[in-house]
Amino acid sequence: MIKKTLYFGNPAYLSTRNNQLIVKLPEVEKNNSLPESFKKQNEVLFPIEDLGVIILDHKQITITHDLMGKLLDNNVAFITCDNKRMPTGLMLPLNGNTTQSERYTHQINATEPLKKNLWQQTIKAKIANQAAVLKKHRTCNTRNMLYWAESVKSGDPDNYEARAAAYYWKEIFHQLPDFTRRREGIPPNNLLNYGYAILRAVIARNLVASGLLPTLGIHHHNRYNAYCLADDIMEPYRPFVDELILSIVDTGHDLTELTKELKSNILQIPTLDVVMGNKKSPLMIAAGQTTASLYQCYAGKLRKIKYPKIS
């Protein structure tokens, strides 16, 4: 089942009753002249077991500790936003798998050659998906991208990832001559940042569900980054976000402000169709297959990570 993504961009009281998330509006709750029966009729309920990601994007949101505990028990990822209403924090459960200690051991004991091989697979899949996006939506040559994908060696010592990125970003938004991919750059960097934050939460959530440490990466190493492995594994998934943002850019929509309408479009990311093993699958489900296969690689039961392809 596809887990739901809930976005809260207005004042709200979030609590729980009977394993459900209850949403109440402050203006209704504070109005003492309204009968309790009316207040209950204006509650919105969501079964907690159906939820995957929650985004809190307003200063006046109150959430009970009981609800937080139940959500984390059900492996729901929390994203909190800053004063600019951009994702800034991510909360995940500490215990996401019944054999977590054993799985941590396999992950920690992974050899350097294995990690380099896993990174090779990851970058090949990423460049191939980037090439697929360009082929579908642009008229540029992609033979070089496919060549670079096939040429990636263990650990990507020749840095084909960077070569492909330079070409890819130049072509994908060719109608925006001043565009460069930078976190603080001009639009649509703001949309990409938001989309990648949602994607990161989806991947991190599934890593925890697979009993893995999101902190311990196969390539990314940063003492200040708690999600190095999520940043590694999301690489082949980034082109799916890029394709979604590209579709928004091509409509000519004003991208200066990340409006609720734009955010609503970007929140489709967990339900985007991807191709996994010649079958279409929602991105959220595919991510679970990817992280499960990664553990199998750590445990020596598989040699290849399962990554999706652009359909």
Protein backbone atom coordinates (compact mmCIF):
# COMPACT_ATOMS: atom_id res chain seq x y z
CA MET A 1 0.00 0.00 0.00
CA ILE A 2 1.23 3.51 -0.84
CA LYS A 3 1.74 5.53 2.32
CA LYS A 4 0.19 9.00 2.34
CA THR A 5 2.10 12.28 2.51
CA LEU A 6 0.36 14.95 4.61
CA TYR A 7 1.25 18.64 4.34
CA PHE A 8 0.23 21.16 7.01
CA GLY A 9 0.70 24.77 5.92
CA ASN A 10 -1.82 26.48 8.23
CA PRO A 11 -2.35 26.66 12.01
CA ALA A 12 -3.50 23.29 13.33
CA TYR A 13 -3.79 21.12 16.43
CA LEU A 14 -2.55 17.58 15.75
CA SER A 15 -3.38 14.86 18.26
CA THR A 16 -4.35 11.20 18.31
CA ARG A 17 -7.26 8.98 19.32
CA ASN A 18 -7.86 5.30 18.51
CA ASN A 19 -4.66 5.10 16.41
CA GLN A 20 -5.77 7.95 14.20
CA LEU A 21 -4.23 11.36 13.57
CA ILE A 22 -6.77 14.04 14.45
CA VAL A 23 -6.56 17.49 12.86
CA LYS A 24 -8.34 20.35 14.61
CA LEU A 25 -8.50 24.03 13.62
CA PRO A 26 -7.45 26.50 16.35
CA GLU A 27 -10.19 29.01 15.47
CA VAL A 28 -12.78 26.29 16.06
CA GLU A 29 -11.18 24.92 19.23
CA LYS A 30 -10.78 28.36 20.84
CA ASN A 31 -14.37 29.40 20.17
CA ASN A 32 -16.09 28.58 23.45
CA SER A 33 -19.49 29.50 22.02
CA LEU A 34 -19.45 26.45 19.73
CA PRO A 35 -20.89 23.17 21.06
CA GLU A 36 -18.55 20.18 21.48
CA SER A 37 -20.63 18.19 18.98
CA PHE A 38 -19.91 20.81 16.30
CA LYS A 39 -16.19 20.77 17.13
CA LYS A 40 -16.04 16.98 16.75
CA GLN A 41 -17.79 17.18 13.39
CA ASN A 42 -15.03 19.51 12.19
CA GLU A 43 -12.21 17.12 13.09
CA VAL A 44 -10.32 15.49 10.21
CA LEU A 45 -9.05 11.96 10.87
CA PHE A 46 -6.30 9.91 9.20
CA PRO A 47 -5.43 6.31 10.13
CA ILE A 48 -1.81 6.43 11.35
CA GLU A 49 -0.97 3.12 9.65
CA ASP A 50 -1.70 4.77 6.25
CA LEU A 51 0.86 7.58 6.70
CA GLY A 52 4.43 7.74 5.41
CA VAL A 53 5.57 11.37 5.49
CA ILE A 54 4.28 14.43 7.37
CA ILE A 55 5.40 17.99 6.56
CA LEU A 56 4.95 20.69 9.20
CA ASP A 57 5.13 24.07 7.47
CA HIS A 58 3.69 26.65 9.86
CA LYS A 59 4.81 28.16 13.17
CA GLN A 60 1.38 27.73 14.73
CA ILE A 61 1.14 23.96 14.56
CA THR A 62 0.75 22.12 17.85
CA ILE A 63 1.45 18.37 17.95
CA THR A 64 1.04 16.13 20.99
CA HIS A 65 3.83 13.92 22.27
CA ASP A 66 1.50 10.91 22.19
CA LEU A 67 0.89 11.46 18.48
CA MET A 68 4.61 11.83 17.76
CA GLY A 69 5.28 8.52 19.51
CA LYS A 70 2.57 6.68 17.58
CA LEU A 71 3.72 8.13 14.26
CA LEU A 72 7.33 7.12 14.90
CA ASP A 73 6.19 3.65 15.99
CA ASN A 74 4.63 3.37 12.52
CA ASN A 75 7.83 4.59 10.79
CA VAL A 76 6.40 7.93 9.70
CA ALA A 77 9.00 10.54 8.67
CA PHE A 78 8.55 14.10 9.98
CA ILE A 79 9.77 17.08 7.96
CA THR A 80 9.84 20.48 9.65
CA CYS A 81 10.24 23.76 7.77
CA ASP A 82 12.14 26.96 8.58
CA ASN A 83 11.06 30.63 8.50
CA LYS A 84 11.37 30.58 4.70
CA ARG A 85 9.00 27.60 4.64
CA MET A 86 11.71 25.32 3.28
CA PRO A 87 12.40 21.85 4.74
CA THR A 88 15.02 22.11 7.46
CA GLY A 89 14.63 19.08 9.75
CA LEU A 90 13.86 15.38 9.52
CA MET A 91 12.81 13.03 12.34
CA LEU A 92 12.86 9.24 12.02
CA PRO A 93 12.29 6.34 14.45
CA LEU A 94 15.29 4.81 16.23
CA ASN A 95 13.95 1.27 15.84
CA GLY A 96 12.65 0.50 12.37
CA ASN A 97 13.35 -3.21 12.02
CA THR A 98 13.12 -6.26 14.28
CA THR A 99 16.66 -7.48 13.40
CA GLN A 100 18.19 -4.03 13.47
CA SER A 101 21.33 -4.88 15.49
CA GLU A 102 22.25 -7.69 13.08
CA ARG A 103 21.67 -5.43 10.09
CA TYR A 104 23.75 -2.64 11.59
CA THR A 105 26.61 -5.12 11.97
CA HIS A 106 26.47 -6.11 8.31
CA GLN A 107 26.38 -2.45 7.28
CA ILE A 108 29.24 -1.39 9.56
CA ASN A 109 31.41 -4.32 8.44
CA ALA A 110 30.93 -3.60 4.73
CA THR A 111 34.31 -3.64 3.00
CA GLU A 112 35.69 -0.71 1.03
CA PRO A 113 35.61 -2.69 -2.28
CA LEU A 114 31.93 -3.49 -1.68
CA LYS A 115 31.07 0.15 -0.99
CA LYS A 116 32.95 1.29 -4.09
CA ASN A 117 31.08 -1.29 -6.16
CA LEU A 118 27.76 -0.12 -4.73
CA TRP A 119 28.67 3.47 -5.58
CA GLN A 120 29.55 2.43 -9.13
CA GLN A 121 26.09 0.88 -9.52
CA THR A 122 24.47 3.97 -8.02
CA ILE A 123 26.19 6.44 -10.35
CA LYS A 124 25.56 4.31 -13.43
CA ALA A 125 21.86 4.22 -12.59
CA LYS A 126 21.79 7.98 -11.91
CA ILE A 127 23.45 8.96 -15.20
CA ALA A 128 21.27 6.53 -17.16
CA ASN A 129 18.14 8.11 -15.63
CA GLN A 130 19.44 11.61 -16.36
CA ALA A 131 19.98 10.60 -19.98
CA ALA A 132 16.43 9.20 -20.11
CA VAL A 133 15.00 12.52 -18.88
CA LEU A 134 16.90 14.45 -21.56
CA LYS A 135 15.88 12.00 -24.28
CA LYS A 136 12.19 12.30 -23.33
CA HIS A 137 12.00 16.05 -22.95
CA ARG A 138 14.89 17.63 -24.87
CA THR A 139 16.34 17.27 -28.38
CA CYS A 140 20.01 17.19 -27.30
CA ASN A 141 22.39 14.29 -27.89
CA THR A 142 22.45 11.76 -25.04
CA ARG A 143 24.98 9.30 -26.45
CA ASN A 144 27.70 10.90 -24.36
CA MET A 145 25.61 10.40 -21.20
CA LEU A 146 25.07 6.74 -21.98
CA TYR A 147 28.78 6.31 -22.70
CA TRP A 148 29.68 7.90 -19.37
CA ALA A 149 27.17 5.66 -17.56
CA GLU A 150 28.77 2.53 -19.04
CA SER A 151 32.27 3.84 -18.33
CA VAL A 152 31.82 4.31 -14.57
CA LYS A 153 34.34 2.19 -12.68
CA SER A 154 34.32 1.01 -9.07
CA GLY A 155 34.12 4.10 -6.85
CA ASP A 156 33.81 6.38 -9.92
CA PRO A 157 37.49 7.47 -9.81
CA ASP A 158 37.13 9.35 -13.12
CA ASN A 159 34.24 11.38 -11.69
CA TYR A 160 31.82 10.65 -14.52
CA GLU A 161 29.06 11.79 -12.18
CA ALA A 162 30.37 15.37 -12.36
CA ARG A 163 30.89 15.23 -16.14
CA ALA A 164 27.34 14.03 -16.65
CA ALA A 165 25.95 16.63 -14.23
CA ALA A 166 27.64 19.52 -16.05
CA TYR A 167 26.10 18.47 -19.36
CA TYR A 168 22.75 17.51 -17.87
CA TRP A 169 22.10 20.79 -16.06
CA LYS A 170 23.14 22.82 -19.10
CA GLU A 171 20.59 21.03 -21.28
CA ILE A 172 17.63 20.34 -19.00
CA PHE A 173 16.80 24.01 -18.40
CA HIS A 174 18.28 25.39 -21.61
CA GLN A 175 15.52 28.01 -21.80
CA LEU A 176 16.97 29.57 -18.63
CA PRO A 177 20.40 30.84 -19.76
CA ASP A 178 21.42 32.01 -16.28
CA PHE A 179 20.52 28.76 -14.54
CA THR A 180 23.14 26.76 -12.66
CA ARG A 181 22.35 24.05 -10.16
CA ARG A 182 23.11 25.66 -6.78
CA ARG A 183 21.18 25.41 -3.55
CA GLU A 184 20.90 29.19 -3.24
CA GLY A 185 20.66 29.78 -6.99
CA ILE A 186 17.83 31.23 -9.07
CA PRO A 187 14.55 29.35 -9.64
CA PRO A 188 13.85 26.53 -10.21
CA ASN A 189 16.57 25.73 -7.64
CA ASN A 190 13.96 26.47 -4.95
CA LEU A 191 11.65 23.81 -6.40
CA LEU A 192 14.49 21.32 -6.76
CA ASN A 193 15.57 21.90 -3.15
CA TYR A 194 12.04 21.27 -1.93
CA GLY A 195 11.62 18.17 -4.07
CA TYR A 196 14.94 16.69 -3.00
CA ALA A 197 14.02 17.24 0.66
CA ILE A 198 10.83 15.22 0.17
CA LEU A 199 12.77 12.53 -1.69
CA ARG A 200 15.43 12.42 1.04
CA ALA A 201 12.75 11.81 3.67
CA VAL A 202 11.22 8.98 1.61
CA ILE A 203 14.61 7.28 1.17
CA ALA A 204 15.65 7.78 4.81
CA ARG A 205 12.34 6.38 6.01
CA ASN A 206 12.81 3.25 3.93
CA LEU A 207 16.42 2.83 5.05
CA VAL A 208 15.25 2.79 8.65
CA ALA A 209 12.47 0.34 7.76
CA SER A 210 15.14 -1.91 6.23
CA GLY A 211 17.13 -1.79 9.47
CA LEU A 212 19.96 0.40 8.16
CA LEU A 213 21.73 3.46 9.55
CA PRO A 214 20.99 6.49 7.34
CA THR A 215 24.13 8.15 8.74
CA LEU A 216 26.66 5.59 7.49
CA GLY A 217 27.10 6.23 3.77
CA ILE A 218 28.74 4.24 1.00
CA HIS A 219 30.23 7.37 -0.56
CA HIS A 220 29.08 10.56 1.18
CA HIS A 221 31.07 11.25 4.34
CA ASN A 222 30.33 14.36 6.37
CA ARG A 223 30.65 14.59 10.14
CA TYR A 224 27.75 17.06 10.19
CA ASN A 225 25.40 15.02 7.98
CA ALA A 226 23.11 12.53 9.71
CA TYR A 227 21.78 11.17 6.40
CA CYS A 228 24.83 10.31 4.30
CA LEU A 229 23.41 6.96 3.19
CA ALA A 230 20.09 8.55 2.24
CA ASP A 231 22.01 11.08 0.15
CA ASP A 232 23.85 8.20 -1.55
CA ILE A 233 20.83 6.05 -2.32
CA MET A 234 18.63 8.92 -3.51
CA GLU A 235 21.02 9.78 -6.38
CA PRO A 236 19.33 7.59 -9.05
CA TYR A 237 15.96 8.90 -7.84
CA ARG A 238 16.84 12.57 -8.31
CA PRO A 239 16.01 12.53 -12.06
CA PHE A 240 12.40 11.64 -11.18
CA VAL A 241 12.21 14.85 -9.16
CA ASP A 242 13.97 16.74 -11.97
CA GLU A 243 11.40 15.49 -14.48
CA LEU A 244 8.54 16.65 -12.27
CA ILE A 245 10.11 20.09 -11.83
CA LEU A 246 10.83 20.26 -15.55
CA SER A 247 7.13 19.72 -16.29
CA ILE A 248 6.30 22.65 -14.00
CA VAL A 249 8.96 24.91 -15.57
CA ASP A 250 7.75 24.13 -19.08
CA THR A 251 4.25 25.40 -18.22
CA GLY A 252 5.68 28.90 -17.82
CA HIS A 253 4.47 29.13 -14.22
CA ASP A 254 5.94 31.92 -12.07
CA LEU A 255 8.62 30.17 -9.98
CA THR A 256 9.77 33.13 -7.90
CA GLU A 257 7.70 32.09 -4.89
CA LEU A 258 7.24 28.51 -3.78
CA THR A 259 3.45 28.73 -3.46
CA LYS A 260 1.11 26.16 -1.94
CA GLU A 261 0.05 25.21 -5.46
CA LEU A 262 3.65 24.47 -6.43
CA LYS A 263 4.26 22.58 -3.20
CA SER A 264 1.12 20.54 -3.85
CA ASN A 265 2.52 19.49 -7.23
CA ILE A 266 5.90 18.60 -5.71
CA LEU A 267 4.27 16.52 -2.97
CA GLN A 268 3.33 14.02 -5.69
CA ILE A 269 6.89 12.66 -5.50
CA PRO A 270 6.14 9.56 -3.34
CA THR A 271 3.41 8.49 -5.77
CA LEU A 272 5.30 9.10 -9.03
CA ASP A 273 5.37 6.10 -11.37
CA VAL A 274 8.79 4.51 -11.80
CA VAL A 275 9.86 1.32 -13.55
CA MET A 276 11.32 -1.31 -11.25
CA GLY A 277 12.15 -4.67 -12.79
CA ASN A 278 10.09 -3.95 -15.94
CA LYS A 279 7.02 -3.18 -13.82
CA LYS A 280 5.56 0.18 -12.93
CA SER A 281 5.60 1.01 -9.25
CA PRO A 282 5.00 4.10 -7.08
CA LEU A 283 8.28 5.71 -6.07
CA MET A 284 7.60 5.10 -2.36
CA ILE A 285 7.26 1.34 -2.96
CA ALA A 286 10.30 1.24 -5.24
CA ALA A 287 12.39 2.98 -2.59
CA GLY A 288 11.53 0.19 -0.17
CA GLN A 289 12.72 -2.39 -2.70
CA THR A 290 15.94 -0.43 -3.19
CA THR A 291 16.77 -0.23 0.51
CA ALA A 292 15.85 -3.89 1.06
CA SER A 293 18.19 -4.91 -1.77
CA LEU A 294 20.93 -2.72 -0.30
CA TYR A 295 20.76 -4.66 2.95
CA GLN A 296 20.94 -7.90 0.97
CA CYS A 297 24.14 -6.60 -0.63
CA TYR A 298 25.59 -5.79 2.80
CA ALA A 299 24.65 -9.29 3.99
CA GLY A 300 26.28 -10.94 0.95
CA LYS A 301 23.00 -12.30 -0.40
CA LEU A 302 22.86 -10.03 -3.46
CA ARG A 303 25.45 -8.36 -5.65
CA LYS A 304 23.30 -5.65 -7.16
CA ILE A 305 21.09 -2.87 -5.77
CA LYS A 306 17.64 -2.62 -7.30
CA TYR A 307 17.23 0.87 -8.76
CA PRO A 308 14.28 2.20 -10.80
CA LYS A 309 14.37 3.48 -14.37
CA ILE A 310 12.65 6.45 -15.98
CA SER A 311 9.62 5.11 -17.85
